[in-house]
Amino acid sequence: MLLKMKIVLLLCIIVFAISGCEKITDIVVPDAPVSDVAPLTVMTYNVYVGASTDPLLTVANLGEVPAAVAAIYTKVMAADFPGRAAAIAASIKASEPHLIGLQEIAIIRRQTPGDLLAGGDVPAEDVVLDFLEILMAALQNEGLNYHVAAKVENFDVEVPLFTETGIDDARLTDYDVILVSEDVQVSRIMSATYSDLFVVEAFDLEAPRGYVALDATVAGATYRVVNTHLEFLDADIRVAQAQELVESLRDETLPVILLGDFNTPAPDGTAYQLLLSAGYVDVWQMDAQETGFTCCQADNLQNAESELSERIDQIFVRNLELPASVLTHTVGDKPSERLPAGLWPSDHAGVVVHLPIE
């Protein structure tokens, strides 16, 4: 088993070294001898709902909302999450993480005809896309055995949708999720919603966000694993959420692994610096070449060359002794990972880290 693991790691290093992809990080081989225990591998990946919500946030009046929603809805459908899920599942198979933190896991529902404009309050229930169900099926198609260990519901927004035959209602529910492989035992599962949240005041729409956490035991060692997606539209709210997360984990004595899309660029983002000041270590290999960019591809995912230009998807640890260097890499950012139709798997790259098992 040890020999097989060494061969796999060596092949991975060779593949990354010869790939020639501008946006992939250099692979750093740990200085310490390889342990008799395979490393703990974790991943964070924002899978992307498929469109920007900016058109909805910039409408001048409520009468423009159904058309703006229709434009967003069309883009989400064109973004082909089932196809992208297959590509994401292939990246997961190549990396074989023990734990995966996923962001922008959505359920999209419709109601025909809609009742919102008439003052109705019946929620849309007809499922159009269930991202988690689609991704889990894609993982099974790859022969992988993961299960949903924990999830937190963030925002649940329903808005009128203009169609050729009238006005429907479209509903988007957003989740953050932790998946674990079959060799991981979990306990002490919890989720929480941040006190500070973004509000679209013109429409009285709230967009709460939260985090999900669990204890994960791998090869006899236990870690506190947390996954989150901090606010991107308001820096003050983002920093307040990061502070709340730090406070919630202040007394944690287990090694903490913090996964997520933090929407704060390394190395200068305010929330990023807040996490460092609280004792968290960004396990990415910091260097002068600014490798490891994770955001963002074009809104429609059809850009021919990668447009990733900042690193906002990160993995932090605390209470964990690290070797001199840690094996890290990004996924979903190489031309070979694009769909046949030319779409990138997500507007973000995923991040994978191999950590020593305590």
Protein backbone atom coordinates (compact mmCIF):
# COMPACT_ATOMS: atom_id res chain seq x y z
CA MET A 1 0.00 0.00 0.00
CA LEU A 2 2.86 2.38 0.90
CA LEU A 3 4.68 1.62 -2.35
CA LYS A 4 1.48 2.25 -4.34
CA MET A 5 0.96 5.57 -2.57
CA LYS A 6 4.52 6.68 -3.35
CA ILE A 7 4.11 5.78 -7.01
CA VAL A 8 0.83 7.68 -7.25
CA LEU A 9 2.35 10.79 -5.66
CA LEU A 10 5.37 10.58 -7.96
CA LEU A 11 3.16 10.29 -11.04
CA CYS A 12 1.09 13.27 -9.88
CA ILE A 13 4.24 15.35 -9.49
CA ILE A 14 5.45 14.39 -12.97
CA VAL A 15 2.08 15.19 -14.57
CA PHE A 16 1.93 18.63 -12.94
CA ALA A 17 5.54 19.37 -13.81
CA ILE A 18 5.07 18.74 -17.54
CA SER A 19 1.59 20.23 -17.89
CA GLY A 20 2.88 23.69 -18.79
CA CYS A 21 -0.37 25.30 -17.60
CA GLU A 22 0.23 28.89 -16.58
CA LYS A 23 -2.34 28.86 -13.78
CA ILE A 24 -1.31 25.71 -11.97
CA THR A 25 0.90 25.93 -8.95
CA ASP A 26 4.32 24.38 -8.64
CA ILE A 27 4.17 21.13 -6.73
CA VAL A 28 6.30 21.23 -3.60
CA VAL A 29 7.59 17.91 -2.31
CA PRO A 30 7.69 17.71 1.49
CA ASP A 31 11.22 17.80 2.94
CA ALA A 32 10.45 15.16 5.55
CA PRO A 33 10.50 11.45 4.67
CA VAL A 34 7.20 10.01 3.52
CA SER A 35 5.23 8.65 6.47
CA ASP A 36 3.97 5.10 6.71
CA VAL A 37 0.49 6.67 6.83
CA ALA A 38 -0.98 8.23 3.67
CA PRO A 39 -1.48 12.00 4.00
CA LEU A 40 -4.80 13.59 4.90
CA THR A 41 -6.12 15.14 1.69
CA VAL A 42 -8.71 17.93 1.76
CA MET A 43 -10.31 19.99 -1.00
CA THR A 44 -12.34 23.16 -1.25
CA TYR A 45 -14.35 23.92 -4.40
CA ASN A 46 -16.87 26.62 -5.27
CA VAL A 47 -18.87 24.86 -8.00
CA TYR A 48 -20.59 28.07 -9.25
CA VAL A 49 -24.33 28.41 -9.62
CA GLY A 50 -23.87 29.44 -13.26
CA ALA A 51 -24.52 33.19 -13.47
CA SER A 52 -23.88 36.47 -11.75
CA THR A 53 -26.73 38.02 -9.76
CA ASP A 54 -25.54 41.56 -10.55
CA PRO A 55 -28.35 42.26 -13.07
CA LEU A 56 -30.93 41.69 -10.33
CA LEU A 57 -29.12 43.93 -7.87
CA THR A 58 -28.94 46.84 -10.28
CA VAL A 59 -32.56 47.02 -11.51
CA ALA A 60 -34.19 50.41 -11.08
CA ASN A 61 -37.64 49.22 -9.99
CA LEU A 62 -39.61 46.10 -9.16
CA GLY A 63 -41.16 46.00 -12.61
CA GLU A 64 -37.77 45.16 -14.12
CA VAL A 65 -37.18 42.16 -11.84
CA PRO A 66 -38.92 39.41 -13.93
CA ALA A 67 -36.87 40.25 -17.04
CA ALA A 68 -33.64 40.45 -15.05
CA VAL A 69 -34.40 37.09 -13.44
CA ALA A 70 -35.12 35.60 -16.87
CA ALA A 71 -31.68 36.69 -18.10
CA ILE A 72 -30.00 35.12 -15.06
CA TYR A 73 -32.06 31.93 -15.34
CA THR A 74 -31.12 31.52 -19.02
CA LYS A 75 -27.43 31.81 -18.16
CA VAL A 76 -27.72 29.27 -15.34
CA MET A 77 -29.29 26.74 -17.71
CA ALA A 78 -26.65 27.43 -20.37
CA ALA A 79 -23.89 26.85 -17.81
CA ASP A 80 -24.73 23.11 -17.91
CA PHE A 81 -24.18 22.04 -14.32
CA PRO A 82 -24.70 18.32 -15.12
CA GLY A 83 -21.81 18.50 -17.59
CA ARG A 84 -19.69 20.56 -15.22
CA ALA A 85 -20.45 18.18 -12.35
CA ALA A 86 -18.93 15.36 -14.37
CA ALA A 87 -15.73 17.40 -14.80
CA ILE A 88 -15.67 18.28 -11.10
CA ALA A 89 -16.16 14.62 -10.20
CA ALA A 90 -13.19 13.72 -12.44
CA SER A 91 -11.03 16.23 -10.53
CA ILE A 92 -12.16 14.70 -7.25
CA LYS A 93 -11.29 11.23 -8.51
CA ALA A 94 -7.81 12.39 -9.53
CA SER A 95 -7.16 13.92 -6.09
CA GLU A 96 -9.05 11.45 -3.87
CA PRO A 97 -9.62 13.86 -0.95
CA HIS A 98 -10.84 12.51 2.36
CA LEU A 99 -12.98 15.61 2.89
CA ILE A 100 -14.41 18.16 0.46
CA GLY A 101 -15.85 21.57 1.29
CA LEU A 102 -18.28 22.68 -1.43
CA GLN A 103 -19.81 26.10 -1.92
CA GLU A 104 -22.69 27.32 -4.14
CA ILE A 105 -24.46 23.99 -3.97
CA ALA A 106 -27.87 25.10 -5.22
CA ILE A 107 -31.39 23.84 -5.63
CA ILE A 108 -33.31 25.67 -8.35
CA ARG A 109 -37.10 25.37 -8.36
CA ARG A 110 -39.95 26.84 -10.41
CA GLN A 111 -43.66 27.42 -10.00
CA THR A 112 -45.90 27.77 -13.06
CA PRO A 113 -47.73 30.09 -13.02
CA GLY A 114 -46.11 32.13 -10.28
CA ASP A 115 -48.07 33.78 -7.49
CA LEU A 116 -45.59 36.29 -6.08
CA LEU A 117 -46.73 39.28 -8.13
CA ALA A 118 -50.32 38.58 -7.08
CA GLY A 119 -49.31 38.61 -3.42
CA GLY A 120 -49.20 34.84 -3.03
CA ASP A 121 -46.85 33.06 -0.67
CA VAL A 122 -46.86 29.46 -1.95
CA PRO A 123 -43.19 28.48 -2.37
CA ALA A 124 -41.95 27.10 -5.69
CA GLU A 125 -41.37 23.34 -5.32
CA ASP A 126 -40.82 21.93 -8.83
CA VAL A 127 -37.11 21.06 -8.89
CA VAL A 128 -35.26 22.08 -12.05
CA LEU A 129 -31.70 21.44 -10.84
CA ASP A 130 -30.50 19.88 -7.61
CA PHE A 131 -26.74 20.45 -7.67
CA LEU A 132 -25.99 18.07 -4.81
CA GLU A 133 -28.01 15.22 -6.30
CA ILE A 134 -26.36 15.77 -9.69
CA LEU A 135 -22.85 15.88 -8.26
CA MET A 136 -23.35 12.81 -6.08
CA ALA A 137 -24.53 10.88 -9.16
CA ALA A 138 -21.45 12.08 -11.06
CA LEU A 139 -19.21 10.86 -8.24
CA GLN A 140 -20.90 7.47 -8.32
CA ASN A 141 -20.36 7.33 -12.08
CA GLU A 142 -16.64 7.76 -11.36
CA GLY A 143 -16.80 4.81 -8.97
CA LEU A 144 -16.35 7.02 -5.90
CA ASN A 145 -18.06 6.48 -2.56
CA TYR A 146 -18.64 9.83 -0.85
CA HIS A 147 -21.53 10.83 1.34
CA VAL A 148 -22.94 14.11 2.58
CA ALA A 149 -21.71 14.51 6.14
CA ALA A 150 -23.05 18.01 6.81
CA LYS A 151 -24.62 21.00 5.12
CA VAL A 152 -25.88 24.44 5.99
CA GLU A 153 -28.64 26.33 4.21
CA ASN A 154 -27.66 29.87 3.37
CA PHE A 155 -30.12 32.04 1.43
CA ASP A 156 -33.45 30.89 0.03
CA VAL A 157 -34.77 33.49 -2.40
CA GLU A 158 -37.85 33.36 -4.65
CA VAL A 159 -38.46 35.94 -7.38
CA PRO A 160 -40.80 36.37 -10.38
CA LEU A 161 -39.49 35.04 -13.71
CA PHE A 162 -40.61 36.34 -17.11
CA THR A 163 -41.41 33.59 -19.65
CA GLU A 164 -42.95 33.49 -23.12
CA THR A 165 -46.26 32.36 -21.64
CA GLY A 166 -46.47 34.52 -18.53
CA ILE A 167 -44.82 35.04 -15.17
CA ASP A 168 -43.44 32.07 -13.25
CA ASP A 169 -41.68 32.10 -9.90
CA ALA A 170 -38.05 30.95 -9.64
CA ARG A 171 -36.50 29.93 -6.35
CA LEU A 172 -32.82 29.53 -5.50
CA THR A 173 -31.68 27.84 -2.29
CA ASP A 174 -27.94 27.93 -1.58
CA TYR A 175 -25.96 25.51 0.60
CA ASP A 176 -22.43 24.86 1.80
CA VAL A 177 -21.67 21.15 2.11
CA ILE A 178 -18.99 18.83 3.47
CA LEU A 179 -18.54 15.49 1.71
CA VAL A 180 -16.45 12.71 3.24
CA SER A 181 -15.02 9.51 1.84
CA GLU A 182 -15.96 6.11 3.22
CA ASP A 183 -12.84 5.87 5.42
CA VAL A 184 -13.72 8.99 7.43
CA GLN A 185 -15.71 8.85 10.66
CA VAL A 186 -17.65 11.98 11.62
CA SER A 187 -19.19 13.32 14.82
CA ARG A 188 -20.16 16.61 16.52
CA ILE A 189 -21.86 17.92 13.39
CA MET A 190 -23.22 21.46 13.56
CA SER A 191 -24.19 24.38 11.36
CA ALA A 192 -24.75 28.05 12.08
CA THR A 193 -25.86 31.24 10.32
CA TYR A 194 -23.81 34.41 10.68
CA SER A 195 -25.42 37.31 12.53
CA ASP A 196 -24.29 39.80 9.88
CA LEU A 197 -25.89 39.35 6.47
CA PHE A 198 -26.36 41.18 3.20
CA VAL A 199 -29.77 42.74 2.51
CA VAL A 200 -31.06 43.98 -0.84
CA GLU A 201 -33.03 46.84 0.67
CA ALA A 202 -34.89 47.80 -2.50
CA PHE A 203 -36.63 44.41 -2.52
CA ASP A 204 -36.38 43.56 1.18
CA LEU A 205 -34.42 40.41 0.27
CA GLU A 206 -32.04 38.88 2.80
CA ALA A 207 -29.02 36.78 1.84
CA PRO A 208 -27.78 35.03 4.99
CA ARG A 209 -24.63 32.92 4.96
CA GLY A 210 -23.25 30.43 7.44
CA TYR A 211 -20.81 27.66 8.10
CA VAL A 212 -20.88 23.94 8.75
CA ALA A 213 -18.49 22.00 10.99
CA LEU A 214 -17.77 18.45 12.09
CA ASP A 215 -15.16 16.28 13.77
CA ALA A 216 -13.48 14.01 11.22
CA THR A 217 -11.42 11.01 12.27
CA VAL A 218 -8.95 9.69 9.71
CA ALA A 219 -6.42 6.93 10.48
CA GLY A 220 -7.02 7.43 14.20
CA ALA A 221 -6.50 11.21 14.18
CA THR A 222 -9.39 13.65 14.72
CA TYR A 223 -9.74 17.14 13.26
CA ARG A 224 -12.34 19.89 13.45
CA VAL A 225 -13.27 20.60 9.82
CA VAL A 226 -15.19 23.75 8.90
CA ASN A 227 -16.56 24.92 5.54
CA THR A 228 -17.88 28.39 4.75
CA HIS A 229 -18.59 30.93 1.99
CA LEU A 230 -18.19 34.51 3.19
CA GLU A 231 -20.12 37.46 1.76
CA PHE A 232 -18.69 38.91 -1.46
CA LEU A 233 -20.85 42.01 -1.99
CA ASP A 234 -20.00 43.86 1.23
CA ALA A 235 -16.49 43.91 2.72
CA ASP A 236 -17.65 45.02 6.18
CA ILE A 237 -20.11 42.13 6.40
CA ARG A 238 -17.44 39.73 5.16
CA VAL A 239 -15.02 40.82 7.88
CA ALA A 240 -17.75 40.59 10.54
CA GLN A 241 -18.55 37.04 9.40
CA ALA A 242 -14.87 36.08 9.53
CA GLN A 243 -14.64 37.49 13.06
CA GLU A 244 -17.71 35.52 14.13
CA LEU A 245 -16.19 32.36 12.71
CA VAL A 246 -12.93 32.97 14.57
CA GLU A 247 -14.82 33.53 17.82
CA SER A 248 -16.83 30.33 17.37
CA LEU A 249 -13.60 28.33 17.14
CA ARG A 250 -11.56 30.24 19.71
CA ASP A 251 -11.67 27.50 22.36
CA GLU A 252 -11.30 24.58 19.97
CA THR A 253 -8.43 22.30 21.03
CA LEU A 254 -8.54 19.87 18.12
CA PRO A 255 -6.54 20.64 14.99
CA VAL A 256 -8.78 22.90 12.89
CA ILE A 257 -9.02 22.70 9.11
CA LEU A 258 -10.86 25.68 7.66
CA LEU A 259 -12.12 25.32 4.08
CA GLY A 260 -13.96 27.79 1.92
CA ASP A 261 -14.46 30.58 -0.52
CA PHE A 262 -13.53 33.45 1.78
CA ASN A 263 -13.90 36.17 -0.88
CA THR A 264 -10.85 37.86 0.61
CA PRO A 265 -7.75 37.93 -1.59
CA ALA A 266 -4.45 36.61 -0.30
CA PRO A 267 -2.25 38.06 0.95
CA ASP A 268 -3.72 41.52 1.61
CA GLY A 269 -7.47 41.04 2.12
CA THR A 270 -8.79 42.35 5.44
CA ALA A 271 -10.63 39.13 6.35
CA TYR A 272 -7.60 37.12 5.22
CA GLN A 273 -5.33 39.11 7.55
CA LEU A 274 -7.88 38.71 10.34
CA LEU A 275 -7.64 34.93 10.05
CA LEU A 276 -3.84 35.04 10.09
CA SER A 277 -3.87 37.27 13.17
CA ALA A 278 -6.11 34.71 14.91
CA GLY A 279 -3.44 32.05 14.50
CA TYR A 280 -4.60 30.39 11.30
CA VAL A 281 -1.99 29.29 8.78
CA ASP A 282 -2.74 29.43 5.07
CA VAL A 283 -1.28 26.13 3.88
CA TRP A 284 -0.82 27.31 0.31
CA GLN A 285 2.83 27.63 -0.68
CA MET A 286 3.34 31.40 -0.70
CA ASP A 287 5.71 32.56 -3.43
CA ALA A 288 6.63 35.54 -5.57
CA GLN A 289 5.06 34.07 -8.71
CA GLU A 290 1.51 34.49 -7.36
CA THR A 291 0.51 30.95 -8.26
CA GLY A 292 -2.66 29.28 -7.15
CA PHE A 293 -5.17 31.79 -8.48
CA THR A 294 -8.73 30.54 -7.98
CA CYS A 295 -11.03 33.32 -9.26
CA CYS A 296 -12.60 34.03 -11.64
CA GLN A 297 -13.41 32.78 -15.11
CA ALA A 298 -15.87 34.65 -17.34
CA ASP A 299 -19.48 34.72 -16.21
CA ASN A 300 -20.48 32.38 -19.06
CA LEU A 301 -17.42 30.13 -18.52
CA GLN A 302 -16.57 30.29 -22.22
CA ASN A 303 -13.32 32.28 -22.09
CA ALA A 304 -10.65 30.50 -24.15
CA GLU A 305 -7.76 31.46 -21.85
CA SER A 306 -7.98 31.21 -18.09
CA GLU A 307 -8.84 34.54 -16.44
CA LEU A 308 -8.10 33.50 -12.87
CA SER A 309 -6.30 36.42 -11.24
CA GLU A 310 -6.71 36.23 -7.45
CA ARG A 311 -6.64 33.64 -4.69
CA ILE A 312 -9.82 33.77 -2.60
CA ASP A 313 -10.45 30.01 -2.15
CA GLN A 314 -8.26 28.96 0.73
CA ILE A 315 -7.48 26.26 3.26
CA PHE A 316 -6.31 27.33 6.71
CA VAL A 317 -5.19 25.24 9.68
CA ARG A 318 -4.73 25.91 13.39
CA ASN A 319 -3.46 23.70 16.22
CA LEU A 320 -1.69 21.61 13.61
CA GLU A 321 2.07 21.20 13.30
CA LEU A 322 3.09 21.39 9.64
CA PRO A 323 6.24 20.19 7.92
CA ALA A 324 8.56 22.66 6.23
CA SER A 325 6.53 22.39 3.03
CA VAL A 326 3.11 21.05 2.14
CA LEU A 327 1.96 19.45 -1.10
CA THR A 328 -0.72 21.67 -2.69
CA HIS A 329 -2.33 22.09 -6.09
CA THR A 330 -5.31 23.57 -7.90
CA VAL A 331 -7.89 21.75 -10.04
CA GLY A 332 -10.36 22.82 -12.69
CA ASP A 333 -8.03 25.46 -14.12
CA LYS A 334 -6.28 23.54 -16.91
CA PRO A 335 -7.47 23.66 -20.55
CA SER A 336 -7.67 19.86 -20.56
CA GLU A 337 -10.35 20.04 -17.84
CA ARG A 338 -12.76 22.14 -19.90
CA LEU A 339 -15.94 20.53 -21.18
CA PRO A 340 -16.14 19.54 -24.87
CA ALA A 341 -18.39 22.57 -25.38
CA GLY A 342 -15.60 24.81 -24.04
CA LEU A 343 -17.02 25.55 -20.58
CA TRP A 344 -14.73 25.64 -17.57
CA PRO A 345 -15.91 23.33 -14.74
CA SER A 346 -16.56 26.41 -12.56
CA ASP A 347 -15.69 30.07 -12.45
CA HIS A 348 -13.39 29.08 -9.56
CA ALA A 349 -10.53 26.63 -9.33
CA GLY A 350 -10.61 24.06 -6.57
CA VAL A 351 -7.77 23.79 -4.06
CA VAL A 352 -6.31 20.52 -2.80
CA VAL A 353 -3.92 20.13 0.14
CA HIS A 354 -2.15 17.04 1.45
CA LEU A 355 -1.60 17.36 5.20
CA PRO A 356 0.37 15.16 7.60
CA ILE A 357 -1.80 12.94 9.74
CA GLU A 358 -1.24 13.76 13.39
